[in-house]
Amino acid sequence: MTAKGTSDKKSGRGWRVAVLGGGAWGTALALAMLRAGHDVRLYARDAETVAAIARGENPRYLPGIKIASGIAATGDIAVALDGADCVLAVTPAQSLRAVLATARNHVPQGVPLVLCAKGIERDTGALLSAIVAESLPDNPVAALSGPSFASDVARGLPTAVVVAAREAELAAGLAARFSAQNLRCYSSDDLIGVEIGGALKNVFAIAAGAVTGAGLGASAQAAMVTRGFVELRRIGAAFGAKPETLMGLSGLGDLLLTCSSAQSRNFAYGLALGQGKPLAGLPLAEGVPTAGIAARIAAERQIEAPIISAVAAILDGKVTIGQAVTALMTRPLKTETDI
């Protein structure tokens, strides 16, 4: 299916882009689309967020960052989607199905829906693209992913991401539309690979944060990230992901960024976990619901994923971090390249 508007991607005509989600990432992407020359409408459920963006700020999610005028924020999803040429879904992975159910009757037929959240549906094990295919069968689906912090994108700092769709022409057209000064978008036809990389890196970020928080050292953190990447490759291969995709921005690139900074919600969650601090009230970490379903998928498909399984067990309170690390360190020895 060819998306509405891709045939005129070289005409210079700006699109009307609907952004569903008024959090940090949704606001940052709205600013990026504005810089790319598009007419941007942002939907947020929270009335205070809508009012704040209208004032040129979003203090709850992006404190201290000026929100440029030109983003039309609204609490009415029908208004946000009216006449849209493209929809960016920037709602948490676990609420995507509910948001699409609300949006279904308002999304123009044939326009691309771009997934900008990362995760696997906890109850069903479905990738987010499968949820879109079920909810909006007449709309092509794409995904935007890569090593990017919302605050960096919001400030217009140099960032590179990948836009993926099953149709290479659609992916290339969207990447061209979204690219602007300091936002470089590469394209890919490996939608599944990009989704897998984005979802699983959150789980490994929790592991890296927990190792750091527990004071186990930089060597342990590096080992955790490296062996986590091996697990990502195993699961990606089982889903048909291309190896080069997992080595790219949405796989290894995003993994390295997310596992190295407390700016990452998942790393920060793991850090608090490792330090024994209260977890209630921490910002949403998508790796938490993803860990359990990823562990279940790995077990059902007989994929060796000890780090993912350990994270799921820690989050479920079945083992301590110390017990999990001991179990990982005493696994049978093997060659490093035996993946």
Protein backbone atom coordinates (compact mmCIF):
# COMPACT_ATOMS: atom_id res chain seq x y z
CA MET A 1 0.00 0.00 0.00
CA THR A 2 1.31 3.43 -0.91
CA ALA A 3 0.65 6.11 1.65
CA LYS A 4 -1.35 9.18 0.86
CA GLY A 5 0.92 12.07 -0.01
CA THR A 6 4.12 10.10 -0.72
CA SER A 7 3.81 10.79 -4.44
CA ASP A 8 4.33 14.51 -3.84
CA LYS A 9 7.17 14.16 -1.36
CA LYS A 10 9.45 16.16 -3.65
CA SER A 11 6.97 18.99 -4.16
CA GLY A 12 7.95 20.76 -0.96
CA ARG A 13 4.36 20.85 0.29
CA GLY A 14 4.21 20.53 4.05
CA TRP A 15 2.02 17.84 5.52
CA ARG A 16 -0.53 18.07 8.26
CA VAL A 17 0.97 15.80 10.92
CA ALA A 18 -1.09 14.56 13.86
CA VAL A 19 0.92 13.65 16.96
CA LEU A 20 -0.92 11.44 19.44
CA GLY A 21 0.68 11.95 22.84
CA GLY A 22 1.69 15.03 24.81
CA GLY A 23 4.52 13.54 26.84
CA ALA A 24 8.20 14.34 26.44
CA TRP A 25 8.70 12.30 23.26
CA GLY A 26 5.42 13.40 21.67
CA THR A 27 6.21 17.06 22.31
CA ALA A 28 9.77 16.66 21.05
CA LEU A 29 8.60 15.00 17.83
CA ALA A 30 5.96 17.69 17.34
CA LEU A 31 8.76 20.27 17.50
CA ALA A 32 10.82 18.20 15.05
CA MET A 33 7.90 18.04 12.60
CA LEU A 34 7.40 21.78 12.95
CA ARG A 35 11.07 22.35 12.07
CA ALA A 36 10.61 20.10 9.05
CA GLY A 37 7.96 22.48 7.73
CA HIS A 38 4.79 20.63 8.64
CA ASP A 39 1.48 21.79 10.09
CA VAL A 40 1.42 20.04 13.47
CA ARG A 41 -1.52 19.14 15.66
CA LEU A 42 -0.82 17.44 18.97
CA TYR A 43 -3.37 15.44 20.92
CA ALA A 44 -3.00 15.09 24.70
CA ARG A 45 -5.56 13.72 27.15
CA ASP A 46 -4.38 15.98 29.96
CA ALA A 47 -5.98 19.42 29.81
CA GLU A 48 -3.10 21.00 31.74
CA THR A 49 -0.60 19.74 29.15
CA VAL A 50 -2.72 21.15 26.32
CA ALA A 51 -2.89 24.53 28.04
CA ALA A 52 0.84 24.51 28.84
CA ILE A 53 1.84 23.81 25.23
CA ALA A 54 -0.41 26.66 24.14
CA ARG A 55 1.65 28.87 26.48
CA GLY A 56 4.87 27.65 24.91
CA GLU A 57 6.01 25.15 27.54
CA ASN A 58 5.52 21.62 28.82
CA PRO A 59 6.96 21.81 32.35
CA ARG A 60 5.69 18.40 33.42
CA TYR A 61 7.59 16.52 30.72
CA LEU A 62 10.17 18.94 29.26
CA PRO A 63 10.96 21.46 31.99
CA GLY A 64 12.98 24.45 30.94
CA ILE A 65 12.52 23.91 27.20
CA LYS A 66 10.72 26.55 25.16
CA ILE A 67 7.98 25.13 22.96
CA ALA A 68 7.93 27.06 19.70
CA SER A 69 4.63 28.52 18.58
CA GLY A 70 2.91 26.73 15.75
CA ILE A 71 1.96 23.47 17.46
CA ALA A 72 -1.82 23.29 17.79
CA ALA A 73 -2.44 21.28 20.97
CA THR A 74 -5.89 19.85 21.59
CA GLY A 75 -7.69 17.46 23.89
CA ASP A 76 -10.04 16.42 21.07
CA ILE A 77 -8.61 13.51 19.09
CA ALA A 78 -11.00 14.13 16.21
CA VAL A 79 -9.66 17.67 15.82
CA ALA A 80 -6.07 16.45 15.91
CA LEU A 81 -6.70 13.84 13.21
CA ASP A 82 -8.90 15.91 10.93
CA GLY A 83 -7.29 16.13 7.50
CA ALA A 84 -4.03 14.51 8.67
CA ASP A 85 -1.54 13.36 6.03
CA CYS A 86 0.40 11.35 8.61
CA VAL A 87 -0.13 10.21 12.20
CA LEU A 88 2.63 9.77 14.78
CA ALA A 89 1.51 7.43 17.57
CA VAL A 90 3.56 8.50 20.60
CA THR A 91 1.50 6.86 23.33
CA PRO A 92 2.93 4.16 25.64
CA ALA A 93 3.05 0.71 24.06
CA GLN A 94 0.64 -0.81 26.58
CA SER A 95 -2.05 1.80 25.83
CA LEU A 96 -1.68 1.81 22.03
CA ARG A 97 -4.61 -0.52 21.39
CA ALA A 98 -6.98 1.62 23.47
CA VAL A 99 -5.82 4.85 21.81
CA LEU A 100 -6.28 3.37 18.33
CA ALA A 101 -9.77 2.21 19.29
CA THR A 102 -10.60 5.83 20.12
CA ALA A 103 -8.90 7.15 16.98
CA ARG A 104 -10.18 4.51 14.56
CA ASN A 105 -13.13 6.49 13.23
CA HIS A 106 -11.10 9.67 12.80
CA VAL A 107 -7.88 8.53 11.10
CA PRO A 108 -8.11 9.34 7.37
CA GLN A 109 -8.02 6.18 5.28
CA GLY A 110 -4.69 5.40 3.68
CA VAL A 111 -2.49 7.81 5.63
CA PRO A 112 0.56 6.23 7.30
CA LEU A 113 0.60 5.65 11.02
CA VAL A 114 4.12 5.88 12.44
CA LEU A 115 4.87 4.08 15.69
CA CYS A 116 7.09 6.14 17.95
CA ALA A 117 6.76 4.14 21.17
CA LYS A 118 8.72 0.96 21.86
CA GLY A 119 7.50 -2.23 23.42
CA ILE A 120 5.62 -5.50 23.12
CA GLU A 121 1.99 -5.77 24.22
CA ARG A 122 2.08 -7.47 27.61
CA ASP A 123 -1.21 -9.37 27.38
CA THR A 124 -0.88 -10.75 23.85
CA GLY A 125 2.82 -10.68 22.95
CA ALA A 126 1.95 -8.69 19.83
CA LEU A 127 4.38 -6.27 18.26
CA LEU A 128 2.93 -2.79 17.91
CA SER A 129 2.75 -3.02 14.12
CA ALA A 130 0.45 -6.03 14.48
CA ILE A 131 -1.87 -3.98 16.69
CA VAL A 132 -2.04 -1.27 14.03
CA ALA A 133 -2.72 -3.85 11.31
CA GLU A 134 -5.60 -5.20 13.37
CA SER A 135 -7.01 -1.83 14.42
CA LEU A 136 -6.44 0.18 11.23
CA PRO A 137 -6.15 -2.34 8.36
CA ASP A 138 -6.48 0.38 5.71
CA ASN A 139 -3.53 2.41 6.98
CA PRO A 140 0.11 1.52 6.27
CA VAL A 141 2.30 1.25 9.34
CA ALA A 142 5.84 2.50 9.93
CA ALA A 143 8.10 2.97 12.94
CA LEU A 144 10.51 5.69 13.99
CA SER A 145 13.29 4.59 16.32
CA GLY A 146 16.93 5.14 17.18
CA PRO A 147 19.26 6.61 19.80
CA SER A 148 17.40 9.75 20.79
CA PHE A 149 16.51 11.47 24.03
CA ALA A 150 13.41 13.65 23.95
CA SER A 151 15.20 16.63 25.48
CA ASP A 152 17.90 16.51 22.78
CA VAL A 153 15.37 16.39 19.95
CA ALA A 154 13.26 19.11 21.57
CA ARG A 155 16.31 21.39 21.77
CA GLY A 156 17.20 20.68 18.15
CA LEU A 157 20.47 18.93 18.98
CA PRO A 158 21.97 16.67 16.27
CA THR A 159 20.17 13.31 16.24
CA ALA A 160 19.97 10.40 13.82
CA VAL A 161 17.07 7.93 13.73
CA VAL A 162 15.65 5.33 11.36
CA VAL A 163 12.18 5.23 9.81
CA ALA A 164 11.08 1.72 8.85
CA ALA A 165 8.17 0.31 6.86
CA ARG A 166 7.63 -2.91 4.98
CA GLU A 167 7.58 -0.93 1.73
CA ALA A 168 10.96 0.65 1.07
CA GLU A 169 9.34 3.48 -0.92
CA LEU A 170 7.09 4.41 1.98
CA ALA A 171 9.99 4.33 4.46
CA ALA A 172 12.14 6.52 2.19
CA GLY A 173 9.32 8.98 1.65
CA LEU A 174 8.63 9.32 5.35
CA ALA A 175 12.33 9.68 6.16
CA ALA A 176 12.60 12.48 3.61
CA ARG A 177 9.53 14.20 5.05
CA PHE A 178 10.72 13.99 8.64
CA SER A 179 14.34 15.01 8.11
CA ALA A 180 15.27 18.56 9.02
CA GLN A 181 18.22 20.49 10.32
CA ASN A 182 19.81 18.40 13.09
CA LEU A 183 17.40 15.49 12.59
CA ARG A 184 18.71 12.97 10.09
CA CYS A 185 16.33 10.14 9.23
CA TYR A 186 17.58 6.98 7.57
CA SER A 187 15.09 4.56 6.00
CA SER A 188 14.69 0.79 6.32
CA ASP A 189 12.33 -1.86 5.00
CA ASP A 190 12.93 -4.04 8.10
CA LEU A 191 9.97 -2.95 10.21
CA ILE A 192 10.13 -6.01 12.50
CA GLY A 193 13.86 -5.59 13.13
CA VAL A 194 13.42 -1.96 14.11
CA GLU A 195 10.54 -2.85 16.45
CA ILE A 196 12.44 -5.69 18.12
CA GLY A 197 15.52 -3.54 18.71
CA GLY A 198 13.47 -0.71 20.19
CA ALA A 199 11.46 -2.96 22.49
CA LEU A 200 14.22 -5.15 23.89
CA LYS A 201 16.81 -2.43 24.50
CA ASN A 202 14.54 -1.13 27.26
CA VAL A 203 14.83 -4.43 29.11
CA PHE A 204 18.61 -4.41 28.87
CA ALA A 205 18.68 -0.79 30.04
CA ILE A 206 16.94 -1.88 33.24
CA ALA A 207 19.59 -4.58 33.65
CA ALA A 208 22.43 -2.11 33.06
CA GLY A 209 20.92 0.36 35.51
CA ALA A 210 20.46 -2.33 38.16
CA VAL A 211 24.07 -3.46 37.82
CA THR A 212 25.24 0.14 38.15
CA GLY A 213 22.93 0.87 41.07
CA ALA A 214 24.09 -2.24 42.90
CA GLY A 215 27.69 -1.04 42.61
CA LEU A 216 28.88 -4.05 40.61
CA GLY A 217 31.28 -2.00 38.52
CA ALA A 218 31.76 -0.72 34.98
CA SER A 219 33.11 -4.08 33.81
CA ALA A 220 29.89 -5.83 34.81
CA GLN A 221 27.82 -3.15 33.10
CA ALA A 222 29.79 -3.53 29.87
CA ALA A 223 29.39 -7.31 29.99
CA MET A 224 25.66 -6.96 30.62
CA VAL A 225 25.17 -4.69 27.63
CA THR A 226 27.33 -6.80 25.31
CA ARG A 227 25.68 -10.09 26.22
CA GLY A 228 22.31 -8.38 26.11
CA PHE A 229 23.01 -7.52 22.50
CA VAL A 230 23.60 -11.22 21.83
CA GLU A 231 20.12 -11.96 23.19
CA LEU A 232 18.65 -9.17 21.09
CA ARG A 233 20.21 -10.77 18.00
CA ARG A 234 18.84 -14.21 18.92
CA ILE A 235 15.29 -12.99 19.37
CA GLY A 236 15.53 -10.71 16.36
CA ALA A 237 16.61 -13.64 14.19
CA ALA A 238 13.66 -15.68 15.42
CA PHE A 239 11.31 -12.92 14.29
CA GLY A 240 13.05 -12.57 10.91
CA ALA A 241 14.92 -9.33 11.63
CA LYS A 242 17.89 -8.52 9.45
CA PRO A 243 21.26 -8.68 11.28
CA GLU A 244 22.32 -5.34 9.78
CA THR A 245 19.23 -3.69 11.25
CA LEU A 246 20.14 -4.86 14.74
CA MET A 247 23.67 -3.54 14.22
CA GLY A 248 22.28 -0.13 13.27
CA LEU A 249 20.67 2.88 14.90
CA SER A 250 17.51 1.16 16.13
CA GLY A 251 19.41 -1.80 17.57
CA LEU A 252 22.96 -1.38 18.81
CA GLY A 253 22.83 2.42 18.63
CA ASP A 254 19.72 2.73 20.79
CA LEU A 255 21.00 0.03 23.14
CA LEU A 256 24.25 1.88 23.80
CA LEU A 257 22.51 5.18 24.48
CA THR A 258 19.77 3.76 26.68
CA CYS A 259 22.15 1.64 28.75
CA SER A 260 24.56 4.46 29.53
CA SER A 261 22.60 7.38 30.93
CA ALA A 262 20.11 8.13 33.67
CA GLN A 263 18.31 10.28 31.09
CA SER A 264 16.89 6.93 30.00
CA ARG A 265 13.80 6.14 32.03
CA ASN A 266 14.58 2.45 31.87
CA PHE A 267 18.19 2.88 33.04
CA ALA A 268 16.96 5.21 35.81
CA TYR A 269 14.40 2.60 36.87
CA GLY A 270 17.08 -0.08 37.00
CA LEU A 271 19.38 2.27 38.87
CA ALA A 272 16.77 2.85 41.58
CA LEU A 273 16.10 -0.88 41.68
CA GLY A 274 19.79 -1.63 42.19
CA GLN A 275 20.08 1.01 44.90
CA GLY A 276 17.06 -0.36 46.73
CA LYS A 277 15.15 2.90 46.37
CA PRO A 278 11.34 3.15 46.13
CA LEU A 279 10.08 2.56 42.60
CA ALA A 280 6.62 4.03 43.04
CA GLY A 281 6.24 7.36 41.31
CA LEU A 282 9.13 6.87 38.89
CA PRO A 283 8.50 7.88 35.26
CA LEU A 284 7.06 5.19 33.01
CA ALA A 285 9.68 2.60 32.00
CA GLU A 286 8.43 0.56 29.03
CA GLY A 287 10.98 -2.15 29.78
CA VAL A 288 9.04 -3.19 32.88
CA PRO A 289 5.98 -4.64 31.09
CA THR A 290 8.12 -5.73 28.13
CA ALA A 291 10.49 -7.85 30.25
CA GLY A 292 7.87 -10.37 31.31
CA ILE A 293 6.36 -10.91 27.88
CA ALA A 294 9.81 -11.02 26.24
CA ALA A 295 10.89 -13.70 28.70
CA ARG A 296 7.75 -15.68 27.95
CA ILE A 297 8.27 -15.40 24.19
CA ALA A 298 11.88 -16.53 24.54
CA ALA A 299 10.84 -19.54 26.63
CA GLU A 300 8.03 -20.51 24.23
CA ARG A 301 10.37 -20.29 21.24
CA GLN A 302 13.22 -21.96 23.13
CA ILE A 303 15.49 -18.94 22.65
CA GLU A 304 18.31 -18.64 25.16
CA ALA A 305 17.81 -15.25 26.86
CA PRO A 306 19.15 -15.46 30.42
CA ILE A 307 19.45 -11.69 30.96
CA ILE A 308 15.87 -11.02 29.87
CA SER A 309 14.67 -13.88 32.07
CA ALA A 310 16.68 -12.52 35.00
CA VAL A 311 15.24 -9.02 34.62
CA ALA A 312 11.71 -10.44 34.50
CA ALA A 313 12.37 -12.52 37.63
CA ILE A 314 13.82 -9.54 39.51
CA LEU A 315 10.86 -7.34 38.59
CA ASP A 316 8.48 -10.09 39.72
CA GLY A 317 10.31 -10.29 43.06
CA LYS A 318 11.30 -13.92 42.47
CA VAL A 319 15.05 -13.32 42.85
CA THR A 320 17.32 -10.58 44.11
CA ILE A 321 19.83 -8.78 41.91
CA GLY A 322 22.64 -10.61 43.70
CA GLN A 323 21.01 -13.99 43.10
CA ALA A 324 20.42 -13.17 39.45
CA VAL A 325 24.02 -12.09 38.91
CA THR A 326 25.31 -15.24 40.60
CA ALA A 327 23.11 -17.39 38.38
CA LEU A 328 24.35 -15.58 35.26
CA MET A 329 28.00 -15.87 36.29
CA THR A 330 27.77 -19.60 37.01
CA ARG A 331 26.08 -20.63 33.76
CA PRO A 332 27.94 -23.32 31.77
CA LEU A 333 30.93 -21.93 29.89
CA LYS A 334 30.76 -21.66 26.11
CA THR A 335 32.49 -19.91 23.23
CA GLU A 336 31.68 -16.22 22.95
CA THR A 337 30.53 -16.55 19.35
CA ASP A 338 28.07 -19.36 20.10
CA ILE A 339 24.88 -17.37 19.85
